[in-house]
Amino acid sequence: MLTLTLFTTSHCHLCEQAVELITEINPTNPLALVEIASDDNLLMQYGERIPVLQRSDNGSELNWPFTKDDLVAFINP
């Protein structure tokens, strides 16, 4: 089963929008939220780009802003 990981941080309104959109489009696959603020490496890698969605099967990433169509294409290539 495909797991999606969303790199996020607290009090990020864009991250909240991304979660809502992802759960609307993708109600069946698990969504893991990763807080980047607690990890210096993740903060360096994603700090300027969050929210970022990552696929568990191939590691590909989708950067914000993304639309419903972008999500569908990303989840179901």
C-alpha atoms as a PDB file:
ATOM      1  CA  MET A   1       0.000   0.000   0.000  1.00  0.00           C
ATOM      2  CA  LEU A   2       1.216   3.451  -0.890  1.00  0.00           C
ATOM      3  CA  THR A   3       2.009   5.706   2.046  1.00  0.00           C
ATOM      4  CA  LEU A   4       2.212   9.432   1.544  1.00  0.00           C
ATOM      5  CA  THR A   5       4.394  11.615   3.742  1.00  0.00           C
ATOM      6  CA  LEU A   6       3.741  15.320   4.152  1.00  0.00           C
ATOM      7  CA  PHE A   7       6.663  17.372   5.409  1.00  0.00           C
ATOM      8  CA  THR A   8       5.141  20.138   7.464  1.00  0.00           C
ATOM      9  CA  THR A   9       5.515  22.358  10.486  1.00  0.00           C
ATOM     10  CA  SER A  10       3.117  23.623  13.122  1.00  0.00           C
ATOM     11  CA  HIS A  11       1.112  26.789  12.544  1.00  0.00           C
ATOM     12  CA  CYS A  12       1.558  26.516   8.773  1.00  0.00           C
ATOM     13  CA  HIS A  13      -1.703  27.479   7.081  1.00  0.00           C
ATOM     14  CA  LEU A  14      -0.454  26.171   3.731  1.00  0.00           C
ATOM     15  CA  CYS A  15       0.274  22.815   5.368  1.00  0.00           C
ATOM     16  CA  GLU A  16      -3.254  22.730   6.783  1.00  0.00           C
ATOM     17  CA  GLN A  17      -4.652  23.415   3.301  1.00  0.00           C
ATOM     18  CA  ALA A  18      -2.478  20.648   1.876  1.00  0.00           C
ATOM     19  CA  VAL A  19      -3.701  18.120   4.471  1.00  0.00           C
ATOM     20  CA  GLU A  20      -7.332  18.961   3.695  1.00  0.00           C
ATOM     21  CA  LEU A  21      -6.752  18.604  -0.039  1.00  0.00           C
ATOM     22  CA  ILE A  22      -4.800  15.352   0.302  1.00  0.00           C
ATOM     23  CA  THR A  23      -7.382  13.703   2.560  1.00  0.00           C
ATOM     24  CA  GLU A  24     -10.169  14.783   0.221  1.00  0.00           C
ATOM     25  CA  ILE A  25      -8.433  13.286  -2.834  1.00  0.00           C
ATOM     26  CA  ASN A  26      -6.804  10.346  -1.078  1.00  0.00           C
ATOM     27  CA  PRO A  27      -9.000   8.937   1.715  1.00  0.00           C
ATOM     28  CA  THR A  28      -7.616   5.366   1.523  1.00  0.00           C
ATOM     29  CA  ASN A  29      -3.816   5.647   1.549  1.00  0.00           C
ATOM     30  CA  PRO A  30      -2.138   6.477   4.860  1.00  0.00           C
ATOM     31  CA  LEU A  31      -0.817  10.021   5.295  1.00  0.00           C
ATOM     32  CA  ALA A  32       2.168  10.490   7.601  1.00  0.00           C
ATOM     33  CA  LEU A  33       2.915  13.992   8.846  1.00  0.00           C
ATOM     34  CA  VAL A  34       6.574  14.792   9.512  1.00  0.00           C
ATOM     35  CA  GLU A  35       7.407  17.851  11.599  1.00  0.00           C
ATOM     36  CA  ILE A  36      10.542  19.361  10.085  1.00  0.00           C
ATOM     37  CA  ALA A  37      11.247  21.851  12.885  1.00  0.00           C
ATOM     38  CA  SER A  38      12.559  19.105  15.179  1.00  0.00           C
ATOM     39  CA  ASP A  39      15.223  17.921  12.714  1.00  0.00           C
ATOM     40  CA  ASP A  40      17.943  20.277  11.448  1.00  0.00           C
ATOM     41  CA  ASN A  41      18.514  18.237   8.275  1.00  0.00           C
ATOM     42  CA  LEU A  42      14.822  18.219   7.373  1.00  0.00           C
ATOM     43  CA  LEU A  43      14.600  21.911   8.181  1.00  0.00           C
ATOM     44  CA  MET A  44      17.455  22.645   5.793  1.00  0.00           C
ATOM     45  CA  GLN A  45      16.000  20.403   3.091  1.00  0.00           C
ATOM     46  CA  TYR A  46      12.336  21.435   3.302  1.00  0.00           C
ATOM     47  CA  GLY A  47      12.252  24.725   5.216  1.00  0.00           C
ATOM     48  CA  GLU A  48      11.720  26.883   2.129  1.00  0.00           C
ATOM     49  CA  ARG A  49       9.447  24.401   0.321  1.00  0.00           C
ATOM     50  CA  ILE A  50       6.868  23.116   2.794  1.00  0.00           C
ATOM     51  CA  PRO A  51       4.420  21.595   2.479  1.00  0.00           C
ATOM     52  CA  VAL A  52       6.037  18.827   0.425  1.00  0.00           C
ATOM     53  CA  LEU A  53       4.327  15.515  -0.306  1.00  0.00           C
ATOM     54  CA  GLN A  54       6.453  12.388  -0.804  1.00  0.00           C
ATOM     55  CA  ARG A  55       5.552   8.909  -2.121  1.00  0.00           C
ATOM     56  CA  SER A  56       6.806   5.925  -0.102  1.00  0.00           C
ATOM     57  CA  ASP A  57       7.310   3.660  -3.111  1.00  0.00           C
ATOM     58  CA  ASN A  58       9.693   5.765  -5.182  1.00  0.00           C
ATOM     59  CA  GLY A  59      10.529   8.837  -3.065  1.00  0.00           C
ATOM     60  CA  SER A  60       9.184  11.300  -5.622  1.00  0.00           C
ATOM     61  CA  GLU A  61       8.050  14.630  -4.211  1.00  0.00           C
ATOM     62  CA  LEU A  62       5.343  17.131  -4.996  1.00  0.00           C
ATOM     63  CA  ASN A  63       5.981  20.698  -3.865  1.00  0.00           C
ATOM     64  CA  TRP A  64       3.335  23.199  -2.865  1.00  0.00           C
ATOM     65  CA  PRO A  65       1.354  24.739  -4.455  1.00  0.00           C
ATOM     66  CA  PHE A  66      -0.462  21.732  -5.887  1.00  0.00           C
ATOM     67  CA  THR A  67      -3.990  21.326  -7.172  1.00  0.00           C
ATOM     68  CA  LYS A  68      -6.440  18.432  -7.059  1.00  0.00           C
ATOM     69  CA  ASP A  69      -5.374  17.487 -10.575  1.00  0.00           C
ATOM     70  CA  ASP A  70      -1.707  17.571  -9.547  1.00  0.00           C
ATOM     71  CA  LEU A  71      -2.468  15.268  -6.597  1.00  0.00           C
ATOM     72  CA  VAL A  72      -4.431  12.786  -8.673  1.00  0.00           C
ATOM     73  CA  ALA A  73      -1.597  12.582 -11.202  1.00  0.00           C
ATOM     74  CA  PHE A  74       0.984  12.232  -8.393  1.00  0.00           C
ATOM     75  CA  ILE A  75      -0.900   9.518  -6.508  1.00  0.00           C
ATOM     76  CA  ASN A  76      -2.073   7.583  -9.585  1.00  0.00           C
ATOM     77  CA  PRO A  77       0.698   7.948 -12.171  1.00  0.00           C
END
